[in-house]
Amino acid sequence: SALSSVPFTLRVQFLIYQHFTDYLNAGDDAKLLISAAPSQTKLFVHGREGDDELFAQEIQKHALSTVLLFPSDKAIQVEEYMALRKEFCAEPSREGTPAELSASVTRPLLRVLVIDATWRHAKAMHRRFCQAEWSQGVTQVQLSPHALSVYSRKQSQPDRICTVEAVALLLECLGEAPEVCERLIEYVKLNTRALRGETLKDSQNLYSGVGGHPAWYFGRRWV
């Protein structure tokens, strides 16, 4: 079987701006979004020919509906963003399955942008992003999670979490169904187990979407 796509109740698109050194990194988790939301995820690789230009065009075209999830002094707390842009948030009193909630309400499309790189590379990419004229209008938000990461790369600080965890926390704050956010976290846990060699040798077949397993070349070493 394969990992099925996640039935988001919010209208959301994911933009991954990834450093080229992380593209074939077995420990990188952002590519899990390609399996979780194959039709709602766009990947731009910083340093790959043509991608930086395409990324700039995408951001410039949709700057006002794009939120950059990145901890910096330019970022506001997600609660403040919710107060400013209520049209992107779910109504807390509504009940139903994710599919029912998604079908019953038409919301504007929110584009969630994440910078996927080591902290050193991410800071440099963020600095260049902020300096670019085409990035004006993008709102930057940050989270302050209190739970330690489930990621395989052990973190000593609770605010150091992986990309998919940060996305799940953001969506949860915006009113996404709890079971949807939990599925994203479960994908991270499953990927961690795969990287540790705790799953079957054909575990890469669990992953669907472009590229399959986010560490596809790593998984094939098990064959």
Protein backbone atom coordinates (compact mmCIF):
# COMPACT_ATOMS: atom_id res chain seq x y z
CA SER A 1 0.00 0.00 0.00
CA ALA A 2 0.99 3.66 -0.31
CA LEU A 3 0.71 6.69 1.91
CA SER A 4 -2.53 8.39 0.91
CA SER A 5 -2.82 12.11 0.43
CA VAL A 6 -4.12 14.10 3.39
CA PRO A 7 -7.69 15.52 3.12
CA PHE A 8 -7.06 19.10 4.23
CA THR A 9 -10.09 21.14 5.25
CA LEU A 10 -8.31 24.43 4.67
CA ARG A 11 -7.60 25.53 1.11
CA VAL A 12 -3.82 25.44 1.22
CA GLN A 13 -0.86 25.10 -1.10
CA PHE A 14 2.66 24.32 0.04
CA LEU A 15 5.74 25.97 -1.45
CA ILE A 16 9.06 24.36 -0.55
CA TYR A 17 12.14 26.51 -1.18
CA GLN A 18 14.90 23.97 -0.68
CA HIS A 19 18.66 24.32 -0.70
CA PHE A 20 20.21 22.06 -3.32
CA THR A 21 22.34 20.25 -0.72
CA ASP A 22 19.15 18.96 0.94
CA TYR A 23 17.54 17.62 -2.23
CA LEU A 24 19.17 14.19 -1.85
CA ASN A 25 19.50 14.35 1.91
CA ALA A 26 18.04 11.17 3.44
CA GLY A 27 17.20 13.01 6.65
CA ASP A 28 15.29 15.82 4.99
CA ASP A 29 11.56 15.73 5.79
CA ALA A 30 10.06 18.56 3.73
CA LYS A 31 9.63 16.29 0.72
CA LEU A 32 7.06 14.37 2.79
CA LEU A 33 4.66 17.14 1.78
CA ILE A 34 4.89 15.80 -1.77
CA SER A 35 3.41 12.53 -0.54
CA ALA A 36 0.93 14.18 1.84
CA ALA A 37 -0.30 16.75 -0.68
CA PRO A 38 0.97 15.80 -4.16
CA SER A 39 -1.39 18.15 -6.03
CA GLN A 40 -0.90 20.99 -3.54
CA THR A 41 2.88 21.09 -3.24
CA LYS A 42 5.46 22.86 -5.37
CA LEU A 43 9.17 22.27 -4.89
CA PHE A 44 11.76 24.88 -5.87
CA VAL A 45 15.41 23.94 -5.45
CA HIS A 46 17.69 26.88 -4.73
CA GLY A 47 20.74 26.44 -6.96
CA ARG A 48 19.03 24.29 -9.59
CA GLU A 49 18.95 25.93 -13.00
CA GLY A 50 15.75 27.86 -13.54
CA ASP A 51 14.18 27.15 -10.15
CA ASP A 52 15.12 30.42 -8.46
CA GLU A 53 13.55 32.37 -11.31
CA LEU A 54 10.37 30.27 -11.20
CA PHE A 55 10.24 30.68 -7.43
CA ALA A 56 10.50 34.47 -7.71
CA GLN A 57 7.69 34.54 -10.28
CA GLU A 58 5.46 32.36 -8.08
CA ILE A 59 5.97 34.56 -5.02
CA GLN A 60 5.55 37.84 -6.86
CA LYS A 61 2.29 36.67 -8.42
CA HIS A 62 0.74 35.55 -5.12
CA ALA A 63 2.61 37.56 -2.46
CA LEU A 64 -0.45 38.77 -0.56
CA SER A 65 -1.84 35.24 -0.13
CA THR A 66 1.53 33.74 0.84
CA VAL A 67 2.77 33.26 4.38
CA LEU A 68 6.42 32.45 5.09
CA LEU A 69 6.87 30.21 8.10
CA PHE A 70 10.26 31.23 9.48
CA PRO A 71 11.49 32.33 12.92
CA SER A 72 13.00 35.81 12.66
CA ASP A 73 12.67 39.33 13.99
CA LYS A 74 10.57 40.11 10.91
CA ALA A 75 7.97 37.46 11.76
CA ILE A 76 4.77 37.98 13.72
CA GLN A 77 3.17 35.38 15.96
CA VAL A 78 0.64 33.16 14.22
CA GLU A 79 -2.11 34.43 16.56
CA GLU A 80 -1.53 37.95 15.30
CA TYR A 81 -1.68 36.73 11.72
CA MET A 82 -4.99 34.99 12.43
CA ALA A 83 -6.45 38.26 13.69
CA LEU A 84 -5.29 40.07 10.57
CA ARG A 85 -6.28 37.42 8.00
CA LYS A 86 -9.37 35.69 9.34
CA GLU A 87 -10.43 34.64 5.84
CA PHE A 88 -7.78 31.91 5.86
CA CYS A 89 -8.88 30.42 9.19
CA ALA A 90 -11.47 27.75 9.86
CA GLU A 91 -14.46 28.49 12.06
CA PRO A 92 -13.73 26.85 15.44
CA SER A 93 -17.35 25.88 16.11
CA ARG A 94 -17.87 23.86 12.95
CA GLU A 95 -17.96 20.06 13.11
CA GLY A 96 -17.72 17.26 10.58
CA THR A 97 -15.22 15.06 8.80
CA PRO A 98 -12.30 16.72 6.97
CA ALA A 99 -13.94 15.93 3.63
CA GLU A 100 -17.28 17.42 4.71
CA LEU A 101 -15.70 20.57 6.08
CA SER A 102 -13.57 21.05 2.98
CA ALA A 103 -16.52 20.64 0.64
CA SER A 104 -18.91 22.91 2.55
CA VAL A 105 -16.85 26.10 2.66
CA THR A 106 -15.09 28.08 -0.05
CA ARG A 107 -12.07 29.90 1.34
CA PRO A 108 -9.29 31.81 -0.39
CA LEU A 109 -6.20 29.75 -1.15
CA LEU A 110 -3.43 30.19 1.42
CA ARG A 111 0.09 29.50 0.22
CA VAL A 112 2.40 28.29 2.98
CA LEU A 113 6.06 28.83 2.15
CA VAL A 114 8.84 27.02 3.99
CA ILE A 115 12.59 27.35 3.59
CA ASP A 116 14.09 23.88 3.71
CA ALA A 117 17.79 23.85 4.52
CA THR A 118 20.28 23.62 7.33
CA TRP A 119 20.01 26.58 9.69
CA ARG A 120 23.12 28.22 8.23
CA HIS A 121 21.84 27.92 4.66
CA ALA A 122 18.28 28.81 5.68
CA LYS A 123 19.36 32.09 7.26
CA ALA A 124 21.23 33.06 4.09
CA MET A 125 18.26 32.12 1.88
CA HIS A 126 15.92 34.06 4.15
CA ARG A 127 18.15 37.12 4.04
CA ARG A 128 18.18 37.10 0.23
CA PHE A 129 14.42 36.54 0.19
CA CYS A 130 13.79 39.58 2.38
CA GLN A 131 16.04 41.76 0.23
CA ALA A 132 14.24 40.87 -3.01
CA GLU A 133 11.62 43.32 -4.30
CA TRP A 134 9.40 40.47 -5.50
CA SER A 135 8.98 39.20 -1.92
CA GLN A 136 7.28 42.36 -0.71
CA GLY A 137 3.79 41.63 0.54
CA VAL A 138 4.57 38.19 1.94
CA THR A 139 3.69 37.92 5.64
CA GLN A 140 6.24 36.16 7.83
CA VAL A 141 5.01 34.19 10.85
CA GLN A 142 6.66 32.13 13.54
CA LEU A 143 5.60 29.48 16.03
CA SER A 144 6.65 28.75 19.59
CA PRO A 145 5.86 25.04 20.08
CA HIS A 146 6.30 23.58 23.56
CA ALA A 147 6.69 19.92 22.62
CA LEU A 148 10.03 18.38 21.71
CA SER A 149 10.45 17.21 18.15
CA VAL A 150 9.71 13.62 17.11
CA TYR A 151 12.29 14.03 14.37
CA SER A 152 15.19 11.57 14.16
CA ARG A 153 17.69 14.40 14.51
CA LYS A 154 17.35 14.99 18.26
CA GLN A 155 16.71 18.58 19.21
CA SER A 156 17.68 20.15 22.51
CA GLN A 157 15.37 23.15 22.15
CA PRO A 158 11.59 22.87 21.74
CA ASP A 159 11.51 25.57 19.02
CA ARG A 160 13.83 23.56 16.79
CA ILE A 161 11.41 21.33 14.91
CA CYS A 162 11.33 19.85 11.44
CA THR A 163 9.55 21.42 8.50
CA VAL A 164 6.49 19.16 8.44
CA GLU A 165 5.98 19.53 12.21
CA ALA A 166 6.06 23.32 11.83
CA VAL A 167 3.53 23.15 8.99
CA ALA A 168 1.25 20.90 11.06
CA LEU A 169 1.41 23.30 14.01
CA LEU A 170 0.64 26.28 11.78
CA LEU A 171 -2.35 24.52 10.22
CA GLU A 172 -3.58 23.48 13.65
CA CYS A 173 -3.48 27.11 14.81
CA LEU A 174 -5.42 28.16 11.69
CA GLY A 175 -8.17 25.68 12.53
CA GLU A 176 -7.26 22.62 10.52
CA ALA A 177 -8.89 19.39 11.72
CA PRO A 178 -6.78 17.79 14.50
CA GLU A 179 -6.77 14.40 12.75
CA VAL A 180 -5.29 16.01 9.64
CA CYS A 181 -2.45 17.58 11.60
CA GLU A 182 -1.84 14.31 13.42
CA ARG A 183 -1.51 12.47 10.11
CA LEU A 184 1.26 14.85 9.08
CA ILE A 185 3.08 14.15 12.34
CA GLU A 186 2.59 10.41 11.82
CA TYR A 187 4.23 10.74 8.40
CA VAL A 188 7.27 12.25 10.12
CA LYS A 189 7.37 9.37 12.62
CA LEU A 190 7.07 6.78 9.85
CA ASN A 191 9.83 8.43 7.85
CA THR A 192 12.04 8.46 10.93
CA ARG A 193 11.48 4.74 11.40
CA ALA A 194 12.34 4.13 7.75
CA LEU A 195 15.58 6.09 8.04
CA ARG A 196 16.51 4.09 11.12
CA GLY A 197 15.91 0.86 9.25
CA GLU A 198 12.99 -0.17 11.46
CA THR A 199 10.61 -0.86 8.53
CA LEU A 200 10.55 -3.52 5.84
CA LYS A 201 13.06 -3.48 3.01
CA ASP A 202 10.36 -2.46 0.54
CA SER A 203 9.12 0.36 2.76
CA GLN A 204 9.86 2.92 0.06
CA ASN A 205 6.77 1.51 -1.69
CA LEU A 206 4.67 3.08 1.05
CA TYR A 207 5.35 6.50 -0.41
CA SER A 208 3.41 7.96 -3.32
CA GLY A 209 3.74 11.24 -5.17
CA VAL A 210 6.55 12.71 -7.24
CA GLY A 211 9.84 11.15 -6.23
CA GLY A 212 8.25 8.53 -3.98
CA HIS A 213 10.03 8.12 -0.64
CA PRO A 214 11.56 11.51 0.27
CA ALA A 215 14.86 9.68 0.70
CA TRP A 216 14.30 7.40 -2.28
CA TYR A 217 17.97 6.72 -3.02
CA PHE A 218 18.56 5.88 0.65
CA GLY A 219 15.72 3.35 0.68
CA ARG A 220 17.06 1.51 -2.35
CA ARG A 221 20.23 0.61 -0.46
CA TRP A 222 18.12 -1.84 1.50
CA VAL A 223 17.30 -3.98 -1.55
